[in-house]
Amino acid sequence: MIEIKIIAEFRVNADQTEAFKTLLGSALVDTRSFEGCRSVDIYEDSEKPVFYALSDWDSHSDYDKYLAWRTEEGIGDLLDPLLDGGFPDGFTVRKVLKTSL
């Protein structure tokens, strides 16, 4: 089975970290139950206000459907005041596959 990982980086305004955590905590309920999502874990940088969502998906297209749904639901408007540079500038997504070396 191919391991599909998504690394989403959120660069948060330093004074908005608690608001971001609250928003993300409530959003994760829907993320974890979205079709194709196997798991998602959140990591916080120990030196700067950056959060990482590391998630496993059945396919990249499942994640694309999820992101399209989130965007349609207005997540960008909620994140915009919380992210450094706003949304989408304060948000980066990387799609990666496990490789054997």
N, C-alpha and C. Protein backbone atom coordinates (compact mmCIF):
# COMPACT_ATOMS: atom_id res chain seq x y z
N MET A 1 0.84 -1.18 0.00
CA MET A 1 0.00 0.00 0.00
C MET A 1 0.89 1.25 0.00
N ILE A 2 0.56 2.19 -0.86
CA ILE A 2 1.31 3.44 -0.95
C ILE A 2 0.93 4.33 0.23
N GLU A 3 1.93 4.91 0.85
CA GLU A 3 1.68 5.83 1.95
C GLU A 3 1.60 7.25 1.41
N ILE A 4 0.43 7.85 1.53
CA ILE A 4 0.16 9.20 1.07
C ILE A 4 0.15 10.11 2.30
N LYS A 5 1.05 11.05 2.32
CA LYS A 5 1.13 12.00 3.45
C LYS A 5 0.91 13.41 2.93
N ILE A 6 0.26 14.19 3.75
CA ILE A 6 0.08 15.61 3.49
C ILE A 6 0.69 16.36 4.66
N ILE A 7 1.51 17.34 4.34
CA ILE A 7 2.09 18.20 5.37
C ILE A 7 1.55 19.60 5.11
N ALA A 8 0.69 20.05 6.00
CA ALA A 8 0.13 21.40 5.90
C ALA A 8 0.81 22.27 6.95
N GLU A 9 1.35 23.39 6.51
CA GLU A 9 2.05 24.30 7.40
C GLU A 9 1.22 25.57 7.56
N PHE A 10 0.99 25.95 8.81
CA PHE A 10 0.25 27.16 9.14
C PHE A 10 1.18 28.11 9.89
N ARG A 11 1.51 29.24 9.28
CA ARG A 11 2.35 30.24 9.92
C ARG A 11 1.42 31.26 10.59
N VAL A 12 1.32 31.15 11.92
CA VAL A 12 0.32 31.87 12.69
C VAL A 12 0.89 33.16 13.26
N ASN A 13 0.07 34.21 13.30
CA ASN A 13 0.47 35.44 13.98
C ASN A 13 0.67 35.11 15.46
N ALA A 14 1.76 35.60 16.03
CA ALA A 14 2.12 35.24 17.40
C ALA A 14 1.00 35.52 18.40
N ASP A 15 0.24 36.56 18.19
CA ASP A 15 -0.83 36.91 19.13
C ASP A 15 -2.13 36.17 18.84
N GLN A 16 -2.12 35.26 17.88
CA GLN A 16 -3.33 34.53 17.49
C GLN A 16 -3.23 33.02 17.70
N THR A 17 -2.21 32.57 18.42
CA THR A 17 -2.01 31.12 18.53
C THR A 17 -3.17 30.42 19.26
N GLU A 18 -3.69 31.03 20.31
CA GLU A 18 -4.78 30.38 21.04
C GLU A 18 -6.05 30.33 20.18
N ALA A 19 -6.34 31.41 19.47
CA ALA A 19 -7.50 31.42 18.58
C ALA A 19 -7.33 30.38 17.47
N PHE A 20 -6.11 30.25 16.96
CA PHE A 20 -5.84 29.25 15.92
C PHE A 20 -6.06 27.84 16.46
N LYS A 21 -5.55 27.57 17.66
CA LYS A 21 -5.72 26.25 18.26
C LYS A 21 -7.20 25.91 18.44
N THR A 22 -7.98 26.88 18.86
CA THR A 22 -9.42 26.66 19.05
C THR A 22 -10.08 26.33 17.71
N LEU A 23 -9.78 27.12 16.69
CA LEU A 23 -10.35 26.88 15.36
C LEU A 23 -9.93 25.51 14.83
N LEU A 24 -8.65 25.22 14.93
CA LEU A 24 -8.16 23.95 14.40
C LEU A 24 -8.76 22.77 15.15
N GLY A 25 -8.86 22.89 16.46
CA GLY A 25 -9.44 21.81 17.25
C GLY A 25 -10.85 21.46 16.81
N SER A 26 -11.65 22.46 16.54
CA SER A 26 -13.02 22.18 16.11
C SER A 26 -13.05 21.67 14.66
N ALA A 27 -12.14 22.17 13.81
CA ALA A 27 -12.11 21.74 12.41
C ALA A 27 -11.65 20.29 12.26
N LEU A 28 -10.82 19.83 13.17
CA LEU A 28 -10.27 18.47 13.04
C LEU A 28 -11.32 17.38 13.15
N VAL A 29 -12.42 17.66 13.81
CA VAL A 29 -13.50 16.67 13.92
C VAL A 29 -13.97 16.28 12.52
N ASP A 30 -14.22 17.29 11.67
CA ASP A 30 -14.66 17.02 10.31
C ASP A 30 -13.55 16.46 9.44
N THR A 31 -12.33 16.92 9.67
CA THR A 31 -11.20 16.43 8.89
C THR A 31 -11.03 14.93 9.09
N ARG A 32 -11.03 14.51 10.35
CA ARG A 32 -10.79 13.11 10.66
C ARG A 32 -11.89 12.20 10.15
N SER A 33 -13.10 12.73 9.95
CA SER A 33 -14.20 11.90 9.46
C SER A 33 -14.40 12.04 7.95
N PHE A 34 -13.59 12.85 7.30
CA PHE A 34 -13.74 13.05 5.86
C PHE A 34 -13.29 11.78 5.12
N GLU A 35 -14.02 11.44 4.06
CA GLU A 35 -13.70 10.24 3.30
C GLU A 35 -12.27 10.27 2.78
N GLY A 36 -11.52 9.22 3.07
CA GLY A 36 -10.15 9.10 2.61
C GLY A 36 -9.11 9.50 3.64
N CYS A 37 -9.54 10.18 4.70
CA CYS A 37 -8.58 10.57 5.74
C CYS A 37 -8.36 9.40 6.68
N ARG A 38 -7.12 8.98 6.78
CA ARG A 38 -6.78 7.88 7.68
C ARG A 38 -6.44 8.40 9.08
N SER A 39 -5.71 9.52 9.11
CA SER A 39 -5.34 10.11 10.41
C SER A 39 -4.79 11.50 10.18
N VAL A 40 -4.80 12.29 11.23
CA VAL A 40 -4.17 13.61 11.19
C VAL A 40 -3.67 13.93 12.59
N ASP A 41 -2.43 14.40 12.66
CA ASP A 41 -1.81 14.82 13.91
C ASP A 41 -1.28 16.24 13.73
N ILE A 42 -1.31 17.00 14.81
CA ILE A 42 -0.87 18.39 14.78
C ILE A 42 0.41 18.52 15.59
N TYR A 43 1.36 19.26 15.03
CA TYR A 43 2.63 19.53 15.68
C TYR A 43 2.84 21.04 15.73
N GLU A 44 3.39 21.49 16.86
CA GLU A 44 3.67 22.91 17.03
C GLU A 44 5.17 23.12 17.10
N ASP A 45 5.68 24.06 16.32
CA ASP A 45 7.10 24.39 16.34
C ASP A 45 7.45 24.91 17.74
N SER A 46 8.57 24.48 18.28
CA SER A 46 8.95 24.88 19.64
C SER A 46 9.59 26.26 19.70
N GLU A 47 9.91 26.85 18.54
CA GLU A 47 10.61 28.13 18.55
C GLU A 47 9.84 29.28 17.90
N LYS A 48 8.82 28.97 17.13
CA LYS A 48 8.08 30.03 16.44
C LYS A 48 6.62 29.60 16.29
N PRO A 49 5.71 30.54 16.02
CA PRO A 49 4.29 30.20 15.95
C PRO A 49 3.91 29.56 14.61
N VAL A 50 4.39 28.35 14.42
CA VAL A 50 4.10 27.58 13.22
C VAL A 50 3.54 26.23 13.65
N PHE A 51 2.47 25.82 12.99
CA PHE A 51 1.83 24.53 13.27
C PHE A 51 1.86 23.70 12.00
N TYR A 52 1.98 22.39 12.20
CA TYR A 52 2.01 21.45 11.09
C TYR A 52 0.91 20.41 11.30
N ALA A 53 0.13 20.19 10.26
CA ALA A 53 -0.84 19.09 10.26
C ALA A 53 -0.25 18.00 9.38
N LEU A 54 0.10 16.88 9.97
CA LEU A 54 0.62 15.74 9.24
C LEU A 54 -0.51 14.72 9.14
N SER A 55 -0.94 14.45 7.91
CA SER A 55 -2.08 13.57 7.74
C SER A 55 -1.79 12.47 6.72
N ASP A 56 -2.51 11.37 6.91
CA ASP A 56 -2.42 10.22 6.01
C ASP A 56 -3.75 10.12 5.27
N TRP A 57 -3.67 9.92 3.95
CA TRP A 57 -4.86 9.86 3.10
C TRP A 57 -4.80 8.63 2.21
N ASP A 58 -5.96 8.18 1.77
CA ASP A 58 -6.02 7.07 0.82
C ASP A 58 -5.41 7.46 -0.52
N SER A 59 -5.58 8.74 -0.90
CA SER A 59 -5.03 9.22 -2.17
C SER A 59 -4.88 10.73 -2.13
N HIS A 60 -4.06 11.26 -3.01
CA HIS A 60 -3.94 12.72 -3.11
C HIS A 60 -5.25 13.33 -3.57
N SER A 61 -6.00 12.61 -4.41
CA SER A 61 -7.27 13.16 -4.88
C SER A 61 -8.28 13.26 -3.74
N ASP A 62 -8.23 12.34 -2.77
CA ASP A 62 -9.10 12.46 -1.60
C ASP A 62 -8.78 13.74 -0.83
N TYR A 63 -7.49 14.02 -0.68
CA TYR A 63 -7.12 15.26 0.00
C TYR A 63 -7.56 16.48 -0.81
N ASP A 64 -7.40 16.42 -2.12
CA ASP A 64 -7.83 17.54 -2.97
C ASP A 64 -9.32 17.81 -2.81
N LYS A 65 -10.13 16.75 -2.73
CA LYS A 65 -11.57 16.91 -2.50
C LYS A 65 -11.83 17.55 -1.15
N TYR A 66 -11.08 17.10 -0.15
CA TYR A 66 -11.22 17.67 1.19
C TYR A 66 -10.88 19.16 1.18
N LEU A 67 -9.76 19.51 0.58
CA LEU A 67 -9.33 20.91 0.57
C LEU A 67 -10.33 21.78 -0.21
N ALA A 68 -10.86 21.26 -1.30
CA ALA A 68 -11.88 22.00 -2.05
C ALA A 68 -13.12 22.22 -1.19
N TRP A 69 -13.54 21.20 -0.46
CA TRP A 69 -14.69 21.33 0.42
C TRP A 69 -14.43 22.37 1.51
N ARG A 70 -13.24 22.29 2.13
CA ARG A 70 -12.89 23.26 3.19
C ARG A 70 -12.91 24.69 2.63
N THR A 71 -12.37 24.85 1.45
CA THR A 71 -12.32 26.18 0.84
C THR A 71 -13.74 26.69 0.56
N GLU A 72 -14.59 25.82 0.01
CA GLU A 72 -15.98 26.20 -0.26
C GLU A 72 -16.72 26.56 1.02
N GLU A 73 -16.38 25.90 2.10
CA GLU A 73 -17.03 26.15 3.39
C GLU A 73 -16.53 27.43 4.07
N GLY A 74 -15.50 28.07 3.49
CA GLY A 74 -15.04 29.36 4.00
C GLY A 74 -13.91 29.32 5.02
N ILE A 75 -13.14 28.24 5.03
CA ILE A 75 -12.03 28.16 6.00
C ILE A 75 -11.03 29.29 5.79
N GLY A 76 -10.84 29.72 4.56
CA GLY A 76 -9.90 30.81 4.28
C GLY A 76 -10.29 32.09 4.99
N ASP A 77 -11.59 32.39 5.04
CA ASP A 77 -12.04 33.60 5.73
C ASP A 77 -11.77 33.51 7.22
N LEU A 78 -11.89 32.31 7.80
CA LEU A 78 -11.63 32.13 9.23
C LEU A 78 -10.14 32.20 9.54
N LEU A 79 -9.32 31.64 8.64
CA LEU A 79 -7.87 31.62 8.86
C LEU A 79 -7.20 32.95 8.55
N ASP A 80 -7.76 33.73 7.66
CA ASP A 80 -7.11 34.95 7.17
C ASP A 80 -6.57 35.85 8.29
N PRO A 81 -7.36 36.19 9.31
CA PRO A 81 -6.83 37.08 10.36
C PRO A 81 -5.85 36.39 11.32
N LEU A 82 -5.78 35.07 11.26
CA LEU A 82 -4.93 34.32 12.20
C LEU A 82 -3.54 34.03 11.66
N LEU A 83 -3.41 34.01 10.34
CA LEU A 83 -2.15 33.60 9.72
C LEU A 83 -1.27 34.80 9.37
N ASP A 84 0.01 34.61 9.52
CA ASP A 84 1.00 35.62 9.14
C ASP A 84 0.95 35.78 7.62
N GLY A 85 0.55 36.95 7.16
CA GLY A 85 0.38 37.17 5.73
C GLY A 85 -1.01 36.83 5.24
N GLY A 86 -1.88 36.37 6.14
CA GLY A 86 -3.24 36.02 5.77
C GLY A 86 -3.34 34.69 5.06
N PHE A 87 -4.51 34.43 4.55
CA PHE A 87 -4.75 33.19 3.80
C PHE A 87 -4.90 33.55 2.33
N PRO A 88 -4.21 32.90 1.43
CA PRO A 88 -3.48 31.65 1.58
C PRO A 88 -1.98 31.80 1.83
N ASP A 89 -1.47 33.04 1.90
CA ASP A 89 -0.02 33.22 2.00
C ASP A 89 0.60 32.58 3.24
N GLY A 90 -0.13 32.50 4.34
CA GLY A 90 0.40 31.91 5.57
C GLY A 90 0.18 30.42 5.68
N PHE A 91 -0.16 29.78 4.56
CA PHE A 91 -0.53 28.37 4.54
C PHE A 91 0.16 27.68 3.36
N THR A 92 0.80 26.56 3.63
CA THR A 92 1.48 25.80 2.58
C THR A 92 1.12 24.33 2.71
N VAL A 93 0.91 23.67 1.58
CA VAL A 93 0.62 22.23 1.58
C VAL A 93 1.68 21.53 0.75
N ARG A 94 2.17 20.43 1.29
CA ARG A 94 3.09 19.57 0.57
C ARG A 94 2.51 18.16 0.53
N LYS A 95 2.47 17.59 -0.66
CA LYS A 95 2.00 16.22 -0.84
C LYS A 95 3.23 15.34 -1.03
N VAL A 96 3.39 14.34 -0.16
CA VAL A 96 4.58 13.51 -0.23
C VAL A 96 4.21 12.03 -0.22
N LEU A 97 5.08 11.24 -0.79
CA LEU A 97 4.95 9.79 -0.80
C LEU A 97 6.18 9.20 -0.11
N LYS A 98 5.96 8.11 0.63
CA LYS A 98 7.08 7.44 1.27
C LYS A 98 7.92 6.77 0.20
N THR A 99 9.21 6.92 0.33
CA THR A 99 10.12 6.28 -0.60
C THR A 99 11.03 5.32 0.16
N SER A 100 11.47 4.29 -0.49
CA SER A 100 12.36 3.34 0.16
C SER A 100 13.77 3.55 -0.34
N LEU A 101 14.63 3.88 0.55
CA LEU A 101 16.05 4.10 0.21
C LEU A 101 16.91 3.19 1.03
